[in-house]
């Protein structure tokens, strides 16, 4: 099997995490990257996230009469999770 070299730009945080994983596991950085790519590419297209399944089934946006930005607008979260 021949190999090919590719270049990918990643954030400094990803580089830091890659170096840490390599150091902790004793596996070369390139092998960590290859394993991650292989794992990602081996996932079946039929594997969907919970969000994707919720959209398909119509659960997202099913509550009528509520603001469209209810889940993203911080003003609706004021006091959320606090005991009264």
Protein backbone atom coordinates (compact mmCIF):
# COMPACT_ATOMS: atom_id res chain seq x y z
CA UNK A 1 0.00 0.00 0.00
CA UNK A 2 1.41 3.36 -0.96
CA UNK A 3 0.89 6.42 1.14
CA UNK A 4 0.25 10.01 0.17
CA UNK A 5 1.01 13.17 2.04
CA UNK A 6 -1.77 15.70 2.62
CA UNK A 7 -1.78 19.09 4.31
CA UNK A 8 -4.51 20.25 6.63
CA UNK A 9 -4.76 23.47 8.59
CA UNK A 10 -6.04 23.13 12.15
CA UNK A 11 -6.36 25.45 15.11
CA UNK A 12 -3.65 25.75 17.72
CA UNK A 13 -5.96 24.05 20.22
CA UNK A 14 -6.25 20.98 17.99
CA UNK A 15 -2.48 20.85 17.60
CA UNK A 16 -2.10 21.03 21.38
CA UNK A 17 -4.63 18.23 21.90
CA UNK A 18 -2.93 16.11 19.22
CA UNK A 19 0.47 16.52 20.87
CA UNK A 20 -0.99 15.65 24.28
CA UNK A 21 -2.70 12.51 22.93
CA UNK A 22 0.48 11.45 21.17
CA UNK A 23 2.55 11.95 24.30
CA UNK A 24 0.08 10.15 26.59
CA UNK A 25 -0.38 7.15 24.31
CA UNK A 26 3.15 6.93 22.96
CA UNK A 27 1.77 6.91 19.42
CA UNK A 28 3.18 9.19 16.75
CA UNK A 29 1.04 12.22 15.87
CA UNK A 30 0.65 11.04 12.28
CA UNK A 31 -0.74 7.70 13.49
CA UNK A 32 -3.24 9.45 15.78
CA UNK A 33 -4.41 11.52 12.79
CA UNK A 34 -4.63 8.45 10.53
CA UNK A 35 -6.66 6.57 13.13
CA UNK A 36 -9.03 9.51 13.61
CA UNK A 37 -9.58 9.87 9.86
CA UNK A 38 -10.14 6.13 9.46
CA UNK A 39 -12.67 6.09 12.30
CA UNK A 40 -14.51 9.07 10.83
CA UNK A 41 -14.60 7.61 7.33
CA UNK A 42 -15.68 4.16 8.51
CA UNK A 43 -18.85 5.49 10.08
CA UNK A 44 -21.88 4.48 8.12
CA UNK A 45 -23.93 7.19 6.45
CA UNK A 46 -26.93 5.68 8.21
CA UNK A 47 -25.50 6.72 11.59
CA UNK A 48 -27.24 9.99 12.39
CA UNK A 49 -26.97 12.32 15.31
CA UNK A 50 -29.83 12.78 17.73
CA UNK A 51 -30.33 16.26 16.26
CA UNK A 52 -30.59 14.89 12.71
CA UNK A 53 -33.12 12.29 13.84
CA UNK A 54 -35.15 14.90 15.74
CA UNK A 55 -35.30 17.11 12.62
CA UNK A 56 -36.41 14.16 10.49
CA UNK A 57 -39.18 13.19 12.89
CA UNK A 58 -40.43 16.75 13.23
CA UNK A 59 -39.52 17.19 16.89
CA UNK A 60 -37.48 20.32 16.26
CA UNK A 61 -39.79 23.31 16.20
CA UNK A 62 -42.88 21.30 17.14
CA UNK A 63 -43.96 23.60 19.99
CA UNK A 64 -46.41 26.11 18.54
CA UNK A 65 -46.54 29.74 19.56
CA UNK A 66 -43.03 29.97 21.00
CA UNK A 67 -40.27 32.29 19.79
CA UNK A 68 -38.26 30.89 16.86
CA UNK A 69 -34.99 31.65 18.66
CA UNK A 70 -36.01 30.06 21.97
CA UNK A 71 -33.08 27.63 22.04
CA UNK A 72 -30.42 30.11 20.98
CA UNK A 73 -31.32 33.51 22.44
CA UNK A 74 -29.63 34.02 25.80
CA UNK A 75 -32.41 36.26 27.08
CA UNK A 76 -34.65 33.20 27.48
CA UNK A 77 -32.07 31.49 29.70
CA UNK A 78 -32.06 34.16 32.41
CA UNK A 79 -32.39 32.33 35.71
CA UNK A 80 -32.40 28.90 34.08
CA UNK A 81 -31.14 26.20 36.43
CA UNK A 82 -31.34 28.33 39.53
CA UNK A 83 -33.37 27.33 42.55
CA UNK A 84 -36.03 29.74 43.64
